[in-house]
PDB file of all heavy atoms in Angstrom:
ATOM      1  N   SER A   1      -2.272   4.594  -4.196  1.00  0.00           N
ATOM      2  CA  SER A   1      -2.961   5.518  -3.287  1.00  0.00           C
ATOM      3  C   SER A   1      -2.044   5.682  -2.001  1.00  0.00           C
ATOM      4  O   SER A   1      -1.716   4.674  -1.343  1.00  0.00           O
ATOM      5  CB  SER A   1      -4.314   4.925  -2.842  1.00  0.00           C
ATOM      6  OG  SER A   1      -4.866   5.739  -1.850  1.00  0.00           O
ATOM      7  N   ILE A   2      -1.687   6.950  -1.796  1.00  0.00           N
ATOM      8  CA  ILE A   2      -0.745   7.265  -0.673  1.00  0.00           C
ATOM      9  C   ILE A   2      -1.414   8.071   0.329  1.00  0.00           C
ATOM     10  O   ILE A   2      -2.023   9.155   0.134  1.00  0.00           O
ATOM     11  CB  ILE A   2       0.505   7.944  -1.154  1.00  0.00           C
ATOM     12  CG1 ILE A   2       1.142   7.196  -2.428  1.00  0.00           C
ATOM     13  CG2 ILE A   2       1.526   8.192  -0.073  1.00  0.00           C
ATOM     14  CD1 ILE A   2       1.753   5.939  -2.080  1.00  0.00           C
ATOM     15  N   ASN A   3      -1.336   7.678   1.600  1.00  0.00           N
ATOM     16  CA  ASN A   3      -1.843   8.424   2.751  1.00  0.00           C
ATOM     17  C   ASN A   3      -0.669   8.599   3.794  1.00  0.00           C
ATOM     18  O   ASN A   3      -0.354   7.584   4.450  1.00  0.00           O
ATOM     19  CB  ASN A   3      -3.039   7.758   3.389  1.00  0.00           C
ATOM     20  CG  ASN A   3      -4.308   7.858   2.595  1.00  0.00           C
ATOM     21  OD1 ASN A   3      -4.927   8.925   2.520  1.00  0.00           O
ATOM     22  ND2 ASN A   3      -4.677   6.836   1.957  1.00  0.00           N
ATOM     23  N   LYS A   4      -0.184   9.789   3.873  1.00  0.00           N
ATOM     24  CA  LYS A   4       0.949  10.022   4.761  1.00  0.00           C
ATOM     25  C   LYS A   4       0.580  10.746   6.016  1.00  0.00           C
ATOM     26  O   LYS A   4      -0.282  11.628   6.016  1.00  0.00           O
ATOM     27  CB  LYS A   4       2.007  10.877   3.966  1.00  0.00           C
ATOM     28  CG  LYS A   4       3.285  11.075   4.617  1.00  0.00           C
ATOM     29  CD  LYS A   4       4.270  11.895   3.876  1.00  0.00           C
ATOM     30  CE  LYS A   4       5.602  12.161   4.609  1.00  0.00           C
ATOM     31  NZ  LYS A   4       6.558  12.984   3.823  1.00  0.00           N
ATOM     32  N   GLY A   5       1.239  10.350   7.102  1.00  0.00           N
ATOM     33  CA  GLY A   5       0.998  11.001   8.339  1.00  0.00           C
ATOM     34  C   GLY A   5       2.185  10.831   9.322  1.00  0.00           C
ATOM     35  O   GLY A   5       3.246  10.236   8.937  1.00  0.00           O
ATOM     36  N   LEU A   6       2.096  11.367  10.499  1.00  0.00           N
ATOM     37  CA  LEU A   6       3.218  11.381  11.556  1.00  0.00           C
ATOM     38  C   LEU A   6       3.605   9.955  11.867  1.00  0.00           C
ATOM     39  O   LEU A   6       4.840   9.652  11.979  1.00  0.00           O
ATOM     40  CB  LEU A   6       2.785  12.099  12.796  1.00  0.00           C
ATOM     41  CG  LEU A   6       3.728  12.056  13.938  1.00  0.00           C
ATOM     42  CD1 LEU A   6       4.858  12.960  13.592  1.00  0.00           C
ATOM     43  CD2 LEU A   6       3.034  12.492  15.262  1.00  0.00           C
ATOM     44  N   TRP A   7       2.729   9.041  11.921  1.00  0.00           N
ATOM     45  CA  TRP A   7       2.972   7.644  12.348  1.00  0.00           C
ATOM     46  C   TRP A   7       3.051   6.618  11.257  1.00  0.00           C
ATOM     47  O   TRP A   7       2.894   5.440  11.482  1.00  0.00           O
ATOM     48  CB  TRP A   7       1.850   7.216  13.458  1.00  0.00           C
ATOM     49  CG  TRP A   7       2.328   6.226  14.410  1.00  0.00           C
ATOM     50  CD1 TRP A   7       1.629   5.019  14.665  1.00  0.00           C
ATOM     51  CD2 TRP A   7       3.450   6.192  15.279  1.00  0.00           C
ATOM     52  NE1 TRP A   7       2.280   4.357  15.699  1.00  0.00           N
ATOM     53  CE2 TRP A   7       3.417   5.083  16.078  1.00  0.00           C
ATOM     54  CE3 TRP A   7       4.484   7.136  15.508  1.00  0.00           C
ATOM     55  CZ2 TRP A   7       4.350   4.755  17.067  1.00  0.00           C
ATOM     56  CZ3 TRP A   7       5.448   6.822  16.450  1.00  0.00           C
ATOM     57  CH2 TRP A   7       5.405   5.690  17.215  1.00  0.00           C
ATOM     58  N   GLY A   8       3.279   7.130  10.047  1.00  0.00           N
ATOM     59  CA  GLY A   8       3.513   6.189   8.904  1.00  0.00           C
ATOM     60  C   GLY A   8       2.726   6.571   7.684  1.00  0.00           C
ATOM     61  O   GLY A   8       1.804   7.398   7.723  1.00  0.00           O
ATOM     62  N   THR A   9       2.991   5.898   6.594  1.00  0.00           N
ATOM     63  CA  THR A   9       2.375   6.113   5.260  1.00  0.00           C
ATOM     64  C   THR A   9       1.751   4.840   4.814  1.00  0.00           C
ATOM     65  O   THR A   9       2.456   3.825   4.697  1.00  0.00           O
ATOM     66  CB  THR A   9       3.336   6.671   4.329  1.00  0.00           C
ATOM     67  OG1 THR A   9       3.934   7.888   4.832  1.00  0.00           O
ATOM     68  CG2 THR A   9       2.753   6.943   2.985  1.00  0.00           C
ATOM     69  N   SER A  10       0.464   4.868   4.372  1.00  0.00           N
ATOM     70  CA  SER A  10      -0.185   3.701   3.846  1.00  0.00           C
ATOM     71  C   SER A  10      -0.047   3.759   2.297  1.00  0.00           C
ATOM     72  O   SER A  10       0.004   4.844   1.704  1.00  0.00           O
ATOM     73  CB  SER A  10      -1.603   3.611   4.202  1.00  0.00           C
ATOM     74  OG  SER A  10      -2.367   4.622   3.592  1.00  0.00           O
ATOM     75  N   VAL A  11       0.130   2.621   1.703  1.00  0.00           N
ATOM     76  CA  VAL A  11       0.275   2.480   0.194  1.00  0.00           C
ATOM     77  C   VAL A  11      -0.611   1.398  -0.309  1.00  0.00           C
ATOM     78  O   VAL A  11      -0.536   0.220   0.115  1.00  0.00           O
ATOM     79  CB  VAL A  11       1.741   2.123  -0.089  1.00  0.00           C
ATOM     80  CG1 VAL A  11       1.951   2.065  -1.641  1.00  0.00           C
ATOM     81  CG2 VAL A  11       2.812   3.038   0.556  1.00  0.00           C
ATOM     82  N   GLY A  12      -1.522   1.846  -1.191  1.00  0.00           N
ATOM     83  CA  GLY A  12      -2.484   0.835  -1.808  1.00  0.00           C
ATOM     84  C   GLY A  12      -2.322   0.855  -3.294  1.00  0.00           C
ATOM     85  O   GLY A  12      -2.128   1.845  -3.903  1.00  0.00           O
ATOM     86  N   GLY A  13      -2.424  -0.303  -3.909  1.00  0.00           N
ATOM     87  CA  GLY A  13      -2.360  -0.487  -5.328  1.00  0.00           C
ATOM     88  C   GLY A  13      -2.937  -1.823  -5.767  1.00  0.00           C
ATOM     89  O   GLY A  13      -3.503  -2.555  -4.981  1.00  0.00           O
ATOM     90  N   LYS A  14      -2.813  -2.111  -7.012  1.00  0.00           N
ATOM     91  CA  LYS A  14      -3.342  -3.374  -7.588  1.00  0.00           C
ATOM     92  C   LYS A  14      -2.810  -4.563  -6.921  1.00  0.00           C
ATOM     93  O   LYS A  14      -3.527  -5.502  -6.725  1.00  0.00           O
ATOM     94  CB  LYS A  14      -3.192  -3.474  -9.146  1.00  0.00           C
ATOM     95  CG  LYS A  14      -1.760  -3.494  -9.589  1.00  0.00           C
ATOM     96  CD  LYS A  14      -1.773  -3.481 -11.086  1.00  0.00           C
ATOM     97  CE  LYS A  14      -0.249  -3.507 -11.657  1.00  0.00           C
ATOM     98  NZ  LYS A  14       0.448  -4.691 -11.309  1.00  0.00           N
ATOM     99  N   GLU A  15      -1.597  -4.465  -6.476  1.00  0.00           N
ATOM    100  CA  GLU A  15      -0.959  -5.628  -5.832  1.00  0.00           C
ATOM    101  C   GLU A  15      -1.649  -5.966  -4.426  1.00  0.00           C
ATOM    102  O   GLU A  15      -1.801  -7.099  -4.089  1.00  0.00           O
ATOM    103  CB  GLU A  15       0.599  -5.419  -5.558  1.00  0.00           C
ATOM    104  CG  GLU A  15       1.388  -5.341  -6.808  1.00  0.00           C
ATOM    105  CD  GLU A  15       1.404  -3.921  -7.393  1.00  0.00           C
ATOM    106  OE1 GLU A  15       0.794  -2.995  -6.823  1.00  0.00           O
ATOM    107  OE2 GLU A  15       2.051  -3.744  -8.497  1.00  0.00           O
ATOM    108  N   THR A  16      -2.023  -4.919  -3.787  1.00  0.00           N
ATOM    109  CA  THR A  16      -2.669  -5.137  -2.415  1.00  0.00           C
ATOM    110  C   THR A  16      -4.076  -5.609  -2.500  1.00  0.00           C
ATOM    111  O   THR A  16      -4.697  -6.009  -1.479  1.00  0.00           O
ATOM    112  CB  THR A  16      -2.582  -3.817  -1.565  1.00  0.00           C
ATOM    113  OG1 THR A  16      -3.216  -2.734  -2.169  1.00  0.00           O
ATOM    114  CG2 THR A  16      -1.185  -3.522  -1.219  1.00  0.00           C
ATOM    115  N   LEU A  17      -4.616  -5.630  -3.712  1.00  0.00           N
ATOM    116  CA  LEU A  17      -5.974  -6.245  -3.923  1.00  0.00           C
ATOM    117  C   LEU A  17      -5.909  -7.704  -4.206  1.00  0.00           C
ATOM    118  O   LEU A  17      -6.981  -8.338  -4.126  1.00  0.00           O
ATOM    119  CB  LEU A  17      -6.647  -5.493  -5.132  1.00  0.00           C
ATOM    120  CG  LEU A  17      -6.887  -4.042  -5.052  1.00  0.00           C
ATOM    121  CD1 LEU A  17      -7.451  -3.439  -6.365  1.00  0.00           C
ATOM    122  CD2 LEU A  17      -7.797  -3.659  -3.917  1.00  0.00           C
ATOM    123  N   THR A  18      -4.667  -8.204  -4.302  1.00  0.00           N
ATOM    124  CA  THR A  18      -4.483  -9.678  -4.397  1.00  0.00           C
ATOM    125  C   THR A  18      -3.992 -10.213  -3.071  1.00  0.00           C
ATOM    126  O   THR A  18      -3.733  -9.517  -2.137  1.00  0.00           O
ATOM    127  CB  THR A  18      -3.477  -9.981  -5.441  1.00  0.00           C
ATOM    128  OG1 THR A  18      -2.148  -9.695  -4.935  1.00  0.00           O
ATOM    129  CG2 THR A  18      -3.665  -9.174  -6.746  1.00  0.00           C
ATOM    130  N   SER A  19      -3.942 -11.567  -2.991  1.00  0.00           N
ATOM    131  CA  SER A  19      -3.419 -12.231  -1.786  1.00  0.00           C
ATOM    132  C   SER A  19      -1.951 -12.623  -1.898  1.00  0.00           C
ATOM    133  O   SER A  19      -1.413 -13.113  -0.941  1.00  0.00           O
ATOM    134  CB  SER A  19      -4.289 -13.450  -1.507  1.00  0.00           C
ATOM    135  OG  SER A  19      -5.590 -13.142  -1.218  1.00  0.00           O
ATOM    136  N   HIS A  20      -1.383 -12.468  -3.125  1.00  0.00           N
ATOM    137  CA  HIS A  20      -0.074 -13.056  -3.314  1.00  0.00           C
ATOM    138  C   HIS A  20       0.986 -12.065  -3.807  1.00  0.00           C
ATOM    139  O   HIS A  20       2.194 -12.459  -3.805  1.00  0.00           O
ATOM    140  CB  HIS A  20      -0.150 -14.243  -4.300  1.00  0.00           C
ATOM    141  CG  HIS A  20      -0.559 -13.842  -5.665  1.00  0.00           C
ATOM    142  ND1 HIS A  20      -1.819 -13.523  -6.070  1.00  0.00           N
ATOM    143  CD2 HIS A  20       0.218 -13.741  -6.820  1.00  0.00           C
ATOM    144  CE1 HIS A  20      -1.922 -13.172  -7.320  1.00  0.00           C
ATOM    145  NE2 HIS A  20      -0.686 -13.314  -7.810  1.00  0.00           N
ATOM    146  N   GLU A  21       0.585 -10.888  -4.270  1.00  0.00           N
ATOM    147  CA  GLU A  21       1.626  -9.964  -4.824  1.00  0.00           C
ATOM    148  C   GLU A  21       2.115  -9.002  -3.774  1.00  0.00           C
ATOM    149  O   GLU A  21       1.365  -8.480  -2.992  1.00  0.00           O
ATOM    150  CB  GLU A  21       0.992  -9.248  -6.044  1.00  0.00           C
ATOM    151  CG  GLU A  21       0.792 -10.085  -7.184  1.00  0.00           C
ATOM    152  CD  GLU A  21       0.380  -9.206  -8.419  1.00  0.00           C
ATOM    153  OE1 GLU A  21       1.263  -8.694  -9.055  1.00  0.00           O
ATOM    154  OE2 GLU A  21      -0.861  -9.129  -8.715  1.00  0.00           O
ATOM    155  N   TYR A  22       3.442  -8.704  -3.849  1.00  0.00           N
ATOM    156  CA  TYR A  22       3.991  -7.681  -2.980  1.00  0.00           C
ATOM    157  C   TYR A  22       4.160  -6.362  -3.725  1.00  0.00           C
ATOM    158  O   TYR A  22       4.200  -6.408  -5.015  1.00  0.00           O
ATOM    159  CB  TYR A  22       5.364  -8.167  -2.483  1.00  0.00           C
ATOM    160  CG  TYR A  22       5.923  -7.297  -1.335  1.00  0.00           C
ATOM    161  CD1 TYR A  22       5.389  -7.440  -0.048  1.00  0.00           C
ATOM    162  CD2 TYR A  22       6.921  -6.363  -1.577  1.00  0.00           C
ATOM    163  CE1 TYR A  22       5.868  -6.649   1.007  1.00  0.00           C
ATOM    164  CE2 TYR A  22       7.420  -5.594  -0.556  1.00  0.00           C
ATOM    165  CZ  TYR A  22       6.878  -5.755   0.820  1.00  0.00           C
ATOM    166  OH  TYR A  22       7.369  -4.980   1.801  1.00  0.00           O
ATOM    167  N   LEU A  23       4.232  -5.270  -3.131  1.00  0.00           N
ATOM    168  CA  LEU A  23       4.373  -3.989  -3.703  1.00  0.00           C
ATOM    169  C   LEU A  23       5.775  -3.860  -4.370  1.00  0.00           C
ATOM    170  O   LEU A  23       6.747  -4.243  -3.735  1.00  0.00           O
ATOM    171  CB  LEU A  23       4.176  -2.819  -2.753  1.00  0.00           C
ATOM    172  CG  LEU A  23       2.717  -2.668  -2.228  1.00  0.00           C
ATOM    173  CD1 LEU A  23       2.692  -1.753  -0.981  1.00  0.00           C
ATOM    174  CD2 LEU A  23       1.803  -2.106  -3.329  1.00  0.00           C
ATOM    175  N   PRO A  24       5.907  -3.269  -5.565  1.00  0.00           N
ATOM    176  CA  PRO A  24       7.209  -3.103  -6.102  1.00  0.00           C
ATOM    177  C   PRO A  24       7.942  -1.966  -5.433  1.00  0.00           C
ATOM    178  O   PRO A  24       7.349  -1.073  -4.740  1.00  0.00           O
ATOM    179  CB  PRO A  24       6.890  -2.714  -7.559  1.00  0.00           C
ATOM    180  CG  PRO A  24       5.508  -2.092  -7.532  1.00  0.00           C
ATOM    181  CD  PRO A  24       4.807  -2.844  -6.440  1.00  0.00           C
TER     182      PRO A  24
END
């Protein structure tokens, strides 16, 4: 899930639902 704007872009995925995995 990508939300882009002037001050940055958020990135959400299965990894961010965990406490230990980093985004690829």
